């Protein structure tokens, strides 16, 4: 099953990255959040399964 990390900014989706494992996708989202927030203006991130179900999300103002 593939997991998609979706990065959101104030105007919508900034980027999508696909991973094979949920843990890898979640770890990537957590570890890169502060960097992407500063560099790209990210305000939230989600990890979704192939069927669209959200398995992890994080947001900051």
C-alpha atoms as a PDB file:
ATOM      1  CA  UNK A   1       0.000   0.000   0.000  1.00  0.00           C
ATOM      2  CA  UNK A   2       1.320   3.480  -0.843  1.00  0.00           C
ATOM      3  CA  UNK A   3       1.136   6.451   1.505  1.00  0.00           C
ATOM      4  CA  UNK A   4       1.162  10.032   0.272  1.00  0.00           C
ATOM      5  CA  UNK A   5       2.564  12.909   2.315  1.00  0.00           C
ATOM      6  CA  UNK A   6       0.706  16.080   1.307  1.00  0.00           C
ATOM      7  CA  UNK A   7       2.163  19.466   2.238  1.00  0.00           C
ATOM      8  CA  UNK A   8      -0.283  22.391   2.490  1.00  0.00           C
ATOM      9  CA  UNK A   9       0.344  26.133   2.426  1.00  0.00           C
ATOM     10  CA  UNK A  10      -2.116  29.008   2.811  1.00  0.00           C
ATOM     11  CA  UNK A  11      -3.135  28.714  -0.857  1.00  0.00           C
ATOM     12  CA  UNK A  12      -3.508  24.925  -1.014  1.00  0.00           C
ATOM     13  CA  UNK A  13      -1.298  21.949  -1.835  1.00  0.00           C
ATOM     14  CA  UNK A  14       2.413  22.742  -2.140  1.00  0.00           C
ATOM     15  CA  UNK A  15       3.837  19.256  -2.707  1.00  0.00           C
ATOM     16  CA  UNK A  16       3.106  15.519  -2.577  1.00  0.00           C
ATOM     17  CA  UNK A  17       5.591  12.726  -1.810  1.00  0.00           C
ATOM     18  CA  UNK A  18       4.788   8.996  -2.017  1.00  0.00           C
ATOM     19  CA  UNK A  19       6.189   6.340   0.357  1.00  0.00           C
ATOM     20  CA  UNK A  20       5.757   2.573   0.585  1.00  0.00           C
ATOM     21  CA  UNK A  21       5.352   2.418   4.380  1.00  0.00           C
ATOM     22  CA  UNK A  22       3.199   4.406   6.783  1.00  0.00           C
ATOM     23  CA  UNK A  23       5.968   4.752   9.370  1.00  0.00           C
ATOM     24  CA  UNK A  24       8.409   6.127   6.789  1.00  0.00           C
ATOM     25  CA  UNK A  25       5.827   8.625   5.538  1.00  0.00           C
ATOM     26  CA  UNK A  26       4.930   9.739   9.067  1.00  0.00           C
ATOM     27  CA  UNK A  27       8.592  10.050  10.109  1.00  0.00           C
ATOM     28  CA  UNK A  28       9.315  12.137   7.001  1.00  0.00           C
ATOM     29  CA  UNK A  29       6.362  14.453   7.714  1.00  0.00           C
ATOM     30  CA  UNK A  30       7.413  14.957  11.340  1.00  0.00           C
ATOM     31  CA  UNK A  31      11.112  15.443  10.667  1.00  0.00           C
ATOM     32  CA  UNK A  32      10.671  17.829   7.717  1.00  0.00           C
ATOM     33  CA  UNK A  33       7.798  19.957   9.045  1.00  0.00           C
ATOM     34  CA  UNK A  34       9.833  22.763  10.627  1.00  0.00           C
ATOM     35  CA  UNK A  35      12.178  22.979   7.629  1.00  0.00           C
ATOM     36  CA  UNK A  36       9.313  23.077   5.114  1.00  0.00           C
ATOM     37  CA  UNK A  37       7.465  25.585   7.306  1.00  0.00           C
ATOM     38  CA  UNK A  38      10.413  27.979   7.154  1.00  0.00           C
ATOM     39  CA  UNK A  39      11.427  27.354   3.534  1.00  0.00           C
ATOM     40  CA  UNK A  40       8.073  26.835   1.787  1.00  0.00           C
ATOM     41  CA  UNK A  41       5.478  28.376   4.107  1.00  0.00           C
ATOM     42  CA  UNK A  42       3.911  25.015   4.998  1.00  0.00           C
ATOM     43  CA  UNK A  43       1.093  25.280   7.543  1.00  0.00           C
ATOM     44  CA  UNK A  44      -0.011  21.635   7.669  1.00  0.00           C
ATOM     45  CA  UNK A  45       0.871  18.143   6.501  1.00  0.00           C
ATOM     46  CA  UNK A  46      -1.170  14.945   6.064  1.00  0.00           C
ATOM     47  CA  UNK A  47      -0.316  11.321   5.426  1.00  0.00           C
ATOM     48  CA  UNK A  48      -2.992   9.528   3.390  1.00  0.00           C
ATOM     49  CA  UNK A  49      -3.528   5.929   2.308  1.00  0.00           C
ATOM     50  CA  UNK A  50      -4.298   4.990  -1.308  1.00  0.00           C
ATOM     51  CA  UNK A  51      -8.018   5.079  -0.502  1.00  0.00           C
ATOM     52  CA  UNK A  52      -7.758   8.698   0.736  1.00  0.00           C
ATOM     53  CA  UNK A  53      -8.036   7.942   4.451  1.00  0.00           C
ATOM     54  CA  UNK A  54      -5.945  10.301   6.597  1.00  0.00           C
ATOM     55  CA  UNK A  55      -3.666   8.323   8.933  1.00  0.00           C
ATOM     56  CA  UNK A  56      -1.661  11.281  10.289  1.00  0.00           C
ATOM     57  CA  UNK A  57      -1.948  15.068  10.259  1.00  0.00           C
ATOM     58  CA  UNK A  58      -0.134  17.972  11.837  1.00  0.00           C
ATOM     59  CA  UNK A  59      -0.749  21.727  11.640  1.00  0.00           C
ATOM     60  CA  UNK A  60       0.731  24.908  13.080  1.00  0.00           C
ATOM     61  CA  UNK A  61      -0.198  28.569  12.677  1.00  0.00           C
END
